[in-house]
N, C-alpha and C. Protein backbone atom coordinates (compact mmCIF):
# COMPACT_ATOMS: atom_id res chain seq x y z
N MET A 1 8.30 7.08 16.55
CA MET A 1 9.41 7.67 15.90
C MET A 1 10.60 6.76 15.84
N GLU A 2 10.77 5.93 16.82
CA GLU A 2 11.91 5.00 16.89
C GLU A 2 11.76 3.97 15.73
N GLU A 3 10.55 3.44 15.50
CA GLU A 3 10.33 2.45 14.45
C GLU A 3 10.66 3.10 13.11
N LEU A 4 10.27 4.31 12.89
CA LEU A 4 10.50 5.05 11.66
C LEU A 4 12.03 5.14 11.41
N LEU A 5 12.79 5.55 12.40
CA LEU A 5 14.22 5.69 12.26
C LEU A 5 14.86 4.36 12.02
N ASP A 6 14.38 3.33 12.69
CA ASP A 6 14.94 1.94 12.52
C ASP A 6 14.77 1.49 11.11
N ILE A 7 13.60 1.72 10.49
CA ILE A 7 13.33 1.31 9.13
C ILE A 7 14.30 2.00 8.15
N LEU A 8 14.49 3.35 8.33
CA LEU A 8 15.37 4.07 7.45
C LEU A 8 16.81 3.60 7.62
N LYS A 9 17.26 3.40 8.84
CA LYS A 9 18.62 2.95 9.10
C LYS A 9 18.86 1.56 8.57
N LYS A 10 17.88 0.63 8.81
CA LYS A 10 18.01 -0.75 8.38
C LYS A 10 18.15 -0.82 6.86
N ASN A 11 17.56 0.11 6.16
CA ASN A 11 17.60 0.14 4.71
C ASN A 11 18.70 1.06 4.17
N GLN A 12 19.55 1.49 5.06
CA GLN A 12 20.70 2.35 4.72
C GLN A 12 20.31 3.57 3.95
N LEU A 13 19.23 4.24 4.40
CA LEU A 13 18.76 5.47 3.78
C LEU A 13 19.09 6.64 4.69
N SER A 14 19.47 7.72 4.07
CA SER A 14 19.72 8.93 4.87
C SER A 14 18.39 9.40 5.45
N ILE A 15 18.45 9.96 6.62
CA ILE A 15 17.25 10.35 7.34
C ILE A 15 16.94 11.82 6.99
N THR A 16 16.00 11.98 6.07
CA THR A 16 15.60 13.36 5.67
C THR A 16 14.20 13.63 6.17
N GLU A 17 13.85 14.93 6.21
CA GLU A 17 12.50 15.27 6.65
C GLU A 17 11.43 14.68 5.74
N GLY A 18 11.70 14.65 4.43
CA GLY A 18 10.71 14.09 3.49
C GLY A 18 10.49 12.63 3.73
N ARG A 19 11.57 11.86 3.88
CA ARG A 19 11.44 10.41 4.13
C ARG A 19 10.73 10.16 5.43
N LYS A 20 11.09 10.92 6.47
CA LYS A 20 10.47 10.70 7.77
C LYS A 20 8.95 11.00 7.69
N LYS A 21 8.60 12.08 7.06
CA LYS A 21 7.16 12.47 6.98
C LYS A 21 6.37 11.44 6.19
N ILE A 22 6.88 11.02 5.05
CA ILE A 22 6.18 10.08 4.19
C ILE A 22 6.11 8.71 4.85
N LEU A 23 7.20 8.26 5.47
CA LEU A 23 7.15 6.95 6.14
C LEU A 23 6.18 7.00 7.36
N GLU A 24 6.14 8.13 8.03
CA GLU A 24 5.18 8.29 9.12
C GLU A 24 3.75 8.16 8.65
N LEU A 25 3.44 8.69 7.46
CA LEU A 25 2.11 8.55 6.90
C LEU A 25 1.76 7.07 6.73
N PHE A 26 2.68 6.28 6.19
CA PHE A 26 2.44 4.86 5.99
C PHE A 26 2.26 4.12 7.32
N LEU A 27 3.09 4.44 8.28
CA LEU A 27 3.01 3.78 9.55
C LEU A 27 1.69 4.09 10.28
N ASN A 28 1.13 5.27 10.01
CA ASN A 28 -0.12 5.63 10.69
C ASN A 28 -1.37 5.35 9.85
N SER A 29 -1.16 4.81 8.68
CA SER A 29 -2.32 4.56 7.77
C SER A 29 -2.80 3.11 7.88
N PRO A 30 -4.04 2.88 8.04
CA PRO A 30 -4.59 1.52 8.10
C PRO A 30 -4.67 0.87 6.72
N GLY A 31 -4.60 1.63 5.68
CA GLY A 31 -4.71 1.11 4.33
C GLY A 31 -3.66 1.67 3.40
N ALA A 32 -3.91 1.53 2.13
CA ALA A 32 -2.96 2.01 1.09
C ALA A 32 -3.14 3.49 0.86
N LEU A 33 -2.10 4.11 0.30
CA LEU A 33 -2.14 5.52 -0.02
C LEU A 33 -1.82 5.79 -1.48
N ALA A 34 -2.47 6.76 -2.07
CA ALA A 34 -2.16 7.19 -3.42
C ALA A 34 -1.17 8.31 -3.34
N HIS A 35 -0.43 8.54 -4.45
CA HIS A 35 0.52 9.64 -4.54
C HIS A 35 -0.14 10.96 -4.13
N ALA A 36 -1.38 11.17 -4.60
CA ALA A 36 -2.09 12.39 -4.29
C ALA A 36 -2.41 12.52 -2.78
N ASP A 37 -2.74 11.41 -2.16
CA ASP A 37 -2.98 11.41 -0.68
C ASP A 37 -1.73 11.86 0.06
N ILE A 38 -0.61 11.38 -0.41
CA ILE A 38 0.66 11.73 0.26
C ILE A 38 0.98 13.24 0.05
N GLU A 39 0.78 13.72 -1.18
CA GLU A 39 1.02 15.12 -1.45
C GLU A 39 0.15 16.00 -0.56
N LYS A 40 -1.14 15.66 -0.44
CA LYS A 40 -2.03 16.44 0.42
C LYS A 40 -1.59 16.43 1.89
N SER A 41 -1.17 15.29 2.32
CA SER A 41 -0.81 15.10 3.75
C SER A 41 0.50 15.77 4.13
N THR A 42 1.33 16.08 3.13
CA THR A 42 2.60 16.73 3.44
C THR A 42 2.48 18.26 3.41
N ASP A 43 1.28 18.74 3.19
CA ASP A 43 1.01 20.17 3.26
C ASP A 43 1.92 21.02 2.38
N ALA A 44 2.20 20.52 1.18
CA ALA A 44 3.04 21.20 0.23
C ALA A 44 4.47 21.42 0.76
N SER A 45 4.85 20.66 1.77
CA SER A 45 6.20 20.75 2.30
C SER A 45 7.21 20.22 1.29
N PHE A 46 6.76 19.31 0.45
CA PHE A 46 7.64 18.67 -0.50
C PHE A 46 7.02 18.72 -1.88
N ASP A 47 7.81 18.93 -2.89
CA ASP A 47 7.25 18.99 -4.22
C ASP A 47 6.95 17.58 -4.74
N ARG A 48 6.21 17.54 -5.83
CA ARG A 48 5.72 16.30 -6.45
C ARG A 48 6.87 15.34 -6.75
N VAL A 49 7.99 15.88 -7.25
CA VAL A 49 9.13 15.04 -7.61
C VAL A 49 9.76 14.42 -6.34
N THR A 50 9.88 15.15 -5.29
CA THR A 50 10.42 14.57 -4.03
C THR A 50 9.57 13.45 -3.53
N VAL A 51 8.24 13.63 -3.59
CA VAL A 51 7.32 12.58 -3.14
C VAL A 51 7.52 11.36 -4.04
N TYR A 52 7.53 11.56 -5.34
CA TYR A 52 7.66 10.47 -6.32
C TYR A 52 8.99 9.72 -6.07
N ARG A 53 10.08 10.43 -5.95
CA ARG A 53 11.39 9.79 -5.74
C ARG A 53 11.44 9.03 -4.43
N THR A 54 10.86 9.59 -3.39
CA THR A 54 10.80 8.91 -2.07
C THR A 54 10.03 7.61 -2.19
N LEU A 55 8.85 7.65 -2.86
CA LEU A 55 8.07 6.44 -3.06
C LEU A 55 8.83 5.39 -3.81
N GLN A 56 9.48 5.82 -4.87
CA GLN A 56 10.28 4.86 -5.72
C GLN A 56 11.42 4.24 -4.87
N THR A 57 12.06 5.03 -4.09
CA THR A 57 13.14 4.54 -3.23
C THR A 57 12.60 3.54 -2.21
N PHE A 58 11.45 3.87 -1.62
CA PHE A 58 10.85 2.95 -0.65
C PHE A 58 10.42 1.64 -1.29
N VAL A 59 9.91 1.67 -2.51
CA VAL A 59 9.55 0.45 -3.24
C VAL A 59 10.80 -0.37 -3.54
N GLU A 60 11.87 0.29 -4.00
CA GLU A 60 13.11 -0.42 -4.36
C GLU A 60 13.74 -1.08 -3.11
N LYS A 61 13.59 -0.45 -1.97
CA LYS A 61 14.17 -0.96 -0.72
C LYS A 61 13.28 -2.00 -0.03
N GLY A 62 12.08 -2.21 -0.52
CA GLY A 62 11.16 -3.15 0.09
C GLY A 62 10.46 -2.62 1.30
N ILE A 63 10.32 -1.31 1.41
CA ILE A 63 9.62 -0.69 2.53
C ILE A 63 8.13 -0.63 2.24
N ILE A 64 7.80 -0.30 0.99
CA ILE A 64 6.42 -0.27 0.57
C ILE A 64 6.25 -1.08 -0.70
N HIS A 65 5.02 -1.41 -1.09
CA HIS A 65 4.78 -2.11 -2.34
C HIS A 65 3.67 -1.45 -3.12
N ASN A 66 3.66 -1.68 -4.39
CA ASN A 66 2.64 -1.11 -5.30
C ASN A 66 1.40 -1.99 -5.27
N ILE A 67 0.25 -1.34 -5.44
CA ILE A 67 -1.01 -2.05 -5.58
C ILE A 67 -1.70 -1.47 -6.80
N PRO A 68 -1.94 -2.26 -7.84
CA PRO A 68 -2.63 -1.75 -9.00
C PRO A 68 -4.13 -1.55 -8.70
N THR A 69 -4.73 -0.65 -9.41
CA THR A 69 -6.17 -0.43 -9.16
C THR A 69 -6.92 -0.66 -10.48
N THR A 70 -8.23 -0.69 -10.37
CA THR A 70 -9.03 -0.93 -11.58
C THR A 70 -8.95 0.23 -12.57
N ASP A 71 -8.58 1.39 -12.13
CA ASP A 71 -8.50 2.57 -13.03
C ASP A 71 -7.06 2.80 -13.48
N ASN A 72 -6.19 1.80 -13.33
CA ASN A 72 -4.79 1.84 -13.77
C ASN A 72 -3.95 2.86 -13.00
N SER A 73 -4.40 3.29 -11.84
CA SER A 73 -3.52 4.11 -11.02
C SER A 73 -2.78 3.18 -10.05
N ILE A 74 -1.90 3.70 -9.27
CA ILE A 74 -1.14 2.88 -8.34
C ILE A 74 -1.31 3.40 -6.94
N LEU A 75 -1.53 2.49 -6.02
CA LEU A 75 -1.54 2.79 -4.60
C LEU A 75 -0.28 2.14 -3.97
N TYR A 76 0.07 2.62 -2.79
CA TYR A 76 1.22 2.12 -2.09
C TYR A 76 0.84 1.70 -0.70
N ALA A 77 1.39 0.60 -0.22
CA ALA A 77 1.15 0.12 1.13
C ALA A 77 2.46 -0.33 1.77
N LEU A 78 2.48 -0.26 3.08
CA LEU A 78 3.66 -0.66 3.82
C LEU A 78 3.88 -2.17 3.70
N CYS A 79 5.13 -2.54 3.42
CA CYS A 79 5.45 -3.96 3.36
C CYS A 79 5.62 -4.52 4.78
N LYS A 80 5.49 -5.83 4.86
CA LYS A 80 5.74 -6.47 6.14
C LYS A 80 7.21 -6.73 6.29
N ASP A 81 7.65 -7.31 7.38
CA ASP A 81 9.06 -7.48 7.70
C ASP A 81 9.83 -8.33 6.71
N ASN A 82 9.18 -9.22 5.96
CA ASN A 82 9.90 -10.16 5.12
C ASN A 82 10.23 -9.62 3.74
N CYS A 83 9.87 -8.38 3.40
CA CYS A 83 10.22 -7.79 2.14
C CYS A 83 11.67 -7.25 2.24
N GLU A 84 12.33 -7.28 1.11
CA GLU A 84 13.72 -6.77 1.09
C GLU A 84 13.97 -6.05 -0.19
N ALA A 85 15.10 -5.37 -0.30
CA ALA A 85 15.40 -4.59 -1.48
C ALA A 85 15.33 -5.45 -2.73
N GLY A 86 14.58 -5.00 -3.69
CA GLY A 86 14.50 -5.72 -4.96
C GLY A 86 13.63 -6.94 -4.97
N HIS A 87 13.08 -7.32 -3.82
CA HIS A 87 12.27 -8.56 -3.81
C HIS A 87 11.16 -8.43 -2.76
N HIS A 88 9.96 -8.28 -3.27
CA HIS A 88 8.82 -8.17 -2.39
C HIS A 88 8.18 -9.52 -2.13
N HIS A 89 7.80 -9.76 -0.90
CA HIS A 89 7.09 -10.99 -0.55
C HIS A 89 5.68 -10.63 -0.17
N ASP A 90 5.04 -9.89 -1.04
CA ASP A 90 3.71 -9.39 -0.74
C ASP A 90 2.65 -10.11 -1.57
N ASN A 91 2.77 -11.40 -1.73
CA ASN A 91 1.79 -12.15 -2.51
C ASN A 91 0.54 -12.40 -1.68
N HIS A 92 -0.16 -11.34 -1.48
CA HIS A 92 -1.42 -11.42 -0.80
C HIS A 92 -2.48 -10.63 -1.58
N VAL A 93 -3.67 -10.81 -1.25
CA VAL A 93 -4.80 -10.19 -1.92
C VAL A 93 -4.96 -8.75 -1.41
N HIS A 94 -5.36 -7.86 -2.33
CA HIS A 94 -5.69 -6.51 -1.99
C HIS A 94 -7.17 -6.34 -2.22
N PHE A 95 -7.86 -5.69 -1.25
CA PHE A 95 -9.31 -5.49 -1.33
C PHE A 95 -9.57 -3.96 -1.45
N ILE A 96 -10.35 -3.60 -2.46
CA ILE A 96 -10.76 -2.20 -2.65
C ILE A 96 -12.24 -2.10 -2.44
N CYS A 97 -12.62 -1.20 -1.51
CA CYS A 97 -14.05 -1.00 -1.22
C CYS A 97 -14.67 -0.08 -2.23
N ASP A 98 -15.79 -0.57 -2.81
CA ASP A 98 -16.49 0.21 -3.83
C ASP A 98 -17.24 1.46 -3.21
N VAL A 99 -17.40 1.43 -1.91
CA VAL A 99 -18.14 2.53 -1.28
C VAL A 99 -17.18 3.63 -0.79
N CYS A 100 -16.20 3.27 0.00
CA CYS A 100 -15.30 4.28 0.60
C CYS A 100 -13.94 4.41 -0.11
N ASP A 101 -13.68 3.54 -1.12
CA ASP A 101 -12.45 3.54 -1.88
C ASP A 101 -11.20 3.12 -1.09
N LYS A 102 -11.36 2.68 0.15
CA LYS A 102 -10.24 2.24 0.95
C LYS A 102 -9.66 0.97 0.36
N THR A 103 -8.32 0.82 0.31
CA THR A 103 -7.66 -0.35 -0.12
C THR A 103 -6.97 -0.98 1.05
N ILE A 104 -7.19 -2.29 1.23
CA ILE A 104 -6.70 -2.98 2.41
C ILE A 104 -5.90 -4.21 1.94
N CYS A 105 -4.71 -4.38 2.55
CA CYS A 105 -3.91 -5.57 2.30
C CYS A 105 -4.52 -6.70 3.11
N MET A 106 -4.87 -7.74 2.45
CA MET A 106 -5.45 -8.93 3.13
C MET A 106 -4.31 -9.94 3.29
N ASP A 107 -3.45 -9.66 4.28
CA ASP A 107 -2.25 -10.48 4.52
C ASP A 107 -2.55 -11.92 4.79
N HIS A 108 -3.68 -12.23 5.34
CA HIS A 108 -4.07 -13.60 5.72
C HIS A 108 -4.62 -14.37 4.50
N VAL A 109 -4.83 -13.74 3.39
CA VAL A 109 -5.36 -14.41 2.18
C VAL A 109 -4.21 -14.48 1.17
N SER A 110 -3.74 -15.67 0.94
CA SER A 110 -2.63 -15.89 -0.01
C SER A 110 -3.14 -16.04 -1.43
N ILE A 111 -2.35 -15.61 -2.35
CA ILE A 111 -2.65 -15.82 -3.76
C ILE A 111 -2.21 -17.23 -4.10
N PRO A 112 -3.10 -18.01 -4.75
CA PRO A 112 -2.77 -19.38 -5.07
C PRO A 112 -1.59 -19.44 -6.09
N GLU A 113 -0.84 -20.51 -6.02
CA GLU A 113 0.27 -20.67 -6.98
C GLU A 113 -0.29 -20.82 -8.37
N VAL A 114 0.37 -20.14 -9.26
CA VAL A 114 -0.05 -20.17 -10.68
C VAL A 114 1.07 -20.88 -11.45
N LYS A 115 0.69 -21.98 -12.11
CA LYS A 115 1.65 -22.71 -12.91
C LYS A 115 1.65 -22.20 -14.35
N LEU A 116 2.71 -21.57 -14.73
CA LEU A 116 2.79 -20.95 -16.06
C LEU A 116 3.33 -21.99 -17.07
N PRO A 117 3.00 -21.79 -18.32
CA PRO A 117 3.53 -22.70 -19.36
C PRO A 117 5.06 -22.61 -19.44
N LYS A 118 5.67 -23.64 -19.99
CA LYS A 118 7.09 -23.71 -20.11
C LYS A 118 7.58 -22.46 -20.89
N GLY A 119 8.69 -21.91 -20.40
CA GLY A 119 9.27 -20.73 -21.06
C GLY A 119 8.79 -19.39 -20.51
N PHE A 120 7.76 -19.41 -19.68
CA PHE A 120 7.23 -18.18 -19.08
C PHE A 120 7.88 -18.00 -17.71
N THR A 121 8.17 -16.75 -17.37
CA THR A 121 8.78 -16.47 -16.07
C THR A 121 7.89 -15.46 -15.34
N GLN A 122 7.53 -15.79 -14.18
CA GLN A 122 6.70 -14.93 -13.33
C GLN A 122 7.52 -13.82 -12.72
N LYS A 123 7.03 -12.62 -12.84
CA LYS A 123 7.69 -11.48 -12.17
C LYS A 123 6.88 -11.01 -10.96
N GLN A 124 5.60 -10.94 -11.14
CA GLN A 124 4.75 -10.40 -10.10
C GLN A 124 3.32 -10.89 -10.31
N ILE A 125 2.62 -11.11 -9.25
CA ILE A 125 1.18 -11.44 -9.33
C ILE A 125 0.40 -10.41 -8.53
N ASP A 126 -0.62 -9.88 -9.11
CA ASP A 126 -1.45 -8.89 -8.45
C ASP A 126 -2.86 -9.42 -8.46
N LEU A 127 -3.45 -9.56 -7.29
CA LEU A 127 -4.84 -9.98 -7.17
C LEU A 127 -5.57 -8.93 -6.36
N VAL A 128 -6.53 -8.26 -7.05
CA VAL A 128 -7.31 -7.21 -6.43
C VAL A 128 -8.78 -7.64 -6.44
N ILE A 129 -9.38 -7.58 -5.28
CA ILE A 129 -10.80 -7.89 -5.13
C ILE A 129 -11.52 -6.61 -4.80
N SER A 130 -12.63 -6.35 -5.50
CA SER A 130 -13.44 -5.18 -5.16
C SER A 130 -14.74 -5.64 -4.55
N GLY A 131 -15.30 -4.82 -3.71
CA GLY A 131 -16.54 -5.15 -3.02
C GLY A 131 -16.82 -4.12 -1.97
N ILE A 132 -17.44 -4.51 -0.90
CA ILE A 132 -17.79 -3.56 0.18
C ILE A 132 -17.12 -4.06 1.47
N CYS A 133 -16.37 -3.16 2.08
CA CYS A 133 -15.61 -3.49 3.28
C CYS A 133 -16.57 -3.70 4.47
N ASP A 134 -16.04 -4.23 5.56
CA ASP A 134 -16.87 -4.51 6.74
C ASP A 134 -17.46 -3.24 7.35
N GLN A 135 -16.74 -2.16 7.39
CA GLN A 135 -17.27 -0.92 7.96
C GLN A 135 -18.42 -0.35 7.13
N CYS A 136 -18.25 -0.38 5.81
CA CYS A 136 -19.31 0.12 4.92
C CYS A 136 -20.55 -0.79 4.99
N ASN A 137 -20.30 -2.12 5.04
CA ASN A 137 -21.39 -3.04 5.15
C ASN A 137 -22.19 -2.80 6.43
N HIS A 138 -21.44 -2.51 7.49
CA HIS A 138 -22.12 -2.24 8.78
C HIS A 138 -23.02 -1.00 8.66
N ILE A 139 -22.49 0.04 8.05
CA ILE A 139 -23.28 1.29 7.87
C ILE A 139 -24.49 1.05 6.99
N ILE A 140 -24.32 0.26 5.93
CA ILE A 140 -25.42 -0.05 5.03
C ILE A 140 -26.51 -0.84 5.78
N ARG A 141 -26.11 -1.81 6.59
CA ARG A 141 -27.10 -2.60 7.40
C ARG A 141 -27.82 -1.69 8.39
N LEU A 142 -27.08 -0.76 9.02
CA LEU A 142 -27.75 0.16 9.95
C LEU A 142 -28.74 1.07 9.25
N ASN A 143 -28.37 1.51 8.06
CA ASN A 143 -29.31 2.34 7.29
C ASN A 143 -30.50 1.59 6.87
N ASP A 144 -30.32 0.31 6.47
CA ASP A 144 -31.45 -0.52 6.06
C ASP A 144 -32.35 -0.76 7.25
N PHE A 145 -31.79 -0.96 8.43
CA PHE A 145 -32.58 -1.18 9.63
C PHE A 145 -33.38 0.08 10.01
N ALA A 146 -32.74 1.23 9.84
CA ALA A 146 -33.42 2.51 10.15
C ALA A 146 -34.56 2.80 9.20
N ASP A 147 -34.42 2.37 7.95
CA ASP A 147 -35.47 2.56 6.95
C ASP A 147 -36.66 1.66 7.12
N ALA A 148 -36.44 0.50 7.85
CA ALA A 148 -37.52 -0.48 7.96
C ALA A 148 -38.60 -0.05 8.90
């Protein structure tokens, strides 16, 4: 709870029940969350607009970042300490598992520098890799072993 309050105070945000509940979901989640996941987890305590506005505020403040998906929806994940309002330092790869649909920030895998032609200005780079996560691979191997 202390970490949650520190994040809100550091970003000069008023401490509301909605912000606390949504931030707590991110702090307790090992991966990214969709808007629908957050709505379900708040048990209809907050309407769709409140959830949306809270997510947008958290993105603007550098608390969370967007992750594009292959179906053009957006997921959200907690930023690391070096993100700040208006400027995300989340140039890392995102991995989406084809089996369990979990999205994982691969903080240790950097996106290579992209040299754009003269006159082009980079705003954001998104690199999403799809495949099978380690947990699903383990289950698949166990099932293959059991079938043998």
